[in-house]
């Protein structure tokens, strides 16, 4: 099931944004500290394919994306929304 992003919220970390979704992405907390940690998780792998994404947190109805300090949010945010709209993580 694809997701719509209802809100993009700042976090205390300027290199992380919280993407609030219209459905549950997972029932259990999934944290990926680096791309290799995503293994064969389909949604995490696609999000890590976005240039600048360095870590992910998936929980309930949100995904928190952390970027490299030198990366810019503009293109990352748009690409994250596209991935979430086109894909879904297993429940």
Protein backbone atom coordinates (compact mmCIF):
# COMPACT_ATOMS: atom_id res chain seq x y z
CA UNK A 1 0.00 0.00 0.00
CA UNK A 2 1.43 3.38 -0.95
CA UNK A 3 1.57 6.13 1.66
CA UNK A 4 0.66 9.78 1.54
CA UNK A 5 2.84 12.10 3.59
CA UNK A 6 0.52 14.10 5.85
CA UNK A 7 3.23 16.24 7.40
CA UNK A 8 6.97 16.74 7.35
CA UNK A 9 8.09 17.74 10.83
CA UNK A 10 11.42 19.04 12.04
CA UNK A 11 13.24 17.19 14.80
CA UNK A 12 15.77 18.49 17.35
CA UNK A 13 18.44 17.26 14.92
CA UNK A 14 18.66 19.64 11.91
CA UNK A 15 19.84 16.68 9.81
CA UNK A 16 16.67 14.65 10.47
CA UNK A 17 13.05 15.09 9.37
CA UNK A 18 9.98 13.14 10.46
CA UNK A 19 7.58 12.14 7.66
CA UNK A 20 4.11 11.49 9.15
CA UNK A 21 2.10 9.07 7.00
CA UNK A 22 -1.55 8.24 6.44
CA UNK A 23 -1.04 4.62 7.55
CA UNK A 24 1.18 2.38 9.64
CA UNK A 25 4.53 1.68 8.05
CA UNK A 26 5.38 -0.90 10.73
CA UNK A 27 4.11 -2.12 14.09
CA UNK A 28 7.63 -2.59 15.48
CA UNK A 29 10.41 -0.02 15.66
CA UNK A 30 12.88 -0.52 12.82
CA UNK A 31 16.10 1.45 12.99
CA UNK A 32 18.73 1.41 10.25
CA UNK A 33 21.97 3.18 11.21
CA UNK A 34 23.49 2.82 7.74
CA UNK A 35 22.55 1.46 4.29
CA UNK A 36 24.03 -1.99 4.89
CA UNK A 37 21.73 -2.41 7.91
CA UNK A 38 18.70 -2.26 5.61
CA UNK A 39 19.55 -5.69 4.21
CA UNK A 40 16.63 -6.83 2.10
CA UNK A 41 14.04 -4.47 3.64
CA UNK A 42 12.39 -3.10 0.47
CA UNK A 43 11.34 0.34 1.71
CA UNK A 44 14.54 1.05 3.65
CA UNK A 45 16.65 -0.01 0.66
CA UNK A 46 14.79 2.39 -1.63
CA UNK A 47 15.09 5.25 0.84
CA UNK A 48 18.82 4.63 1.24
CA UNK A 49 19.16 4.80 -2.55
CA UNK A 50 18.40 8.53 -2.23
CA UNK A 51 21.68 10.43 -2.30
CA UNK A 52 22.41 11.96 1.10
CA UNK A 53 20.25 9.62 3.26
CA UNK A 54 22.41 8.16 6.04
CA UNK A 55 19.98 6.59 8.56
CA UNK A 56 16.31 5.74 9.00
CA UNK A 57 13.78 5.09 11.76
CA UNK A 58 10.44 3.49 10.93
CA UNK A 59 7.76 3.33 13.62
CA UNK A 60 3.97 3.29 13.62
CA UNK A 61 2.85 5.96 11.16
CA UNK A 62 6.10 7.78 10.52
CA UNK A 63 9.54 7.54 8.98
CA UNK A 64 12.42 9.66 10.27
CA UNK A 65 15.08 10.26 7.67
CA UNK A 66 18.55 11.51 8.59
CA UNK A 67 20.77 13.09 5.97
CA UNK A 68 24.48 13.75 5.67
CA UNK A 69 25.33 17.21 7.04
CA UNK A 70 26.44 18.49 3.63
CA UNK A 71 23.29 17.25 1.84
CA UNK A 72 20.38 19.63 1.16
CA UNK A 73 16.81 18.81 2.21
CA UNK A 74 15.13 20.12 -0.97
CA UNK A 75 15.74 17.20 -3.29
CA UNK A 76 15.85 14.61 -0.49
CA UNK A 77 12.39 15.55 0.80
CA UNK A 78 10.81 15.31 -2.65
CA UNK A 79 12.45 11.95 -3.34
CA UNK A 80 11.41 10.51 0.03
CA UNK A 81 7.79 11.51 -0.68
CA UNK A 82 7.97 9.82 -4.10
CA UNK A 83 9.37 6.59 -2.64
CA UNK A 84 6.71 6.52 0.08
CA UNK A 85 3.94 7.19 -2.44
CA UNK A 86 5.13 4.36 -4.69
CA UNK A 87 6.02 1.72 -2.14
CA UNK A 88 5.20 0.23 1.22
CA UNK A 89 7.09 -1.70 3.82
CA UNK A 90 5.90 -5.15 4.86
CA UNK A 91 3.72 -5.02 7.95
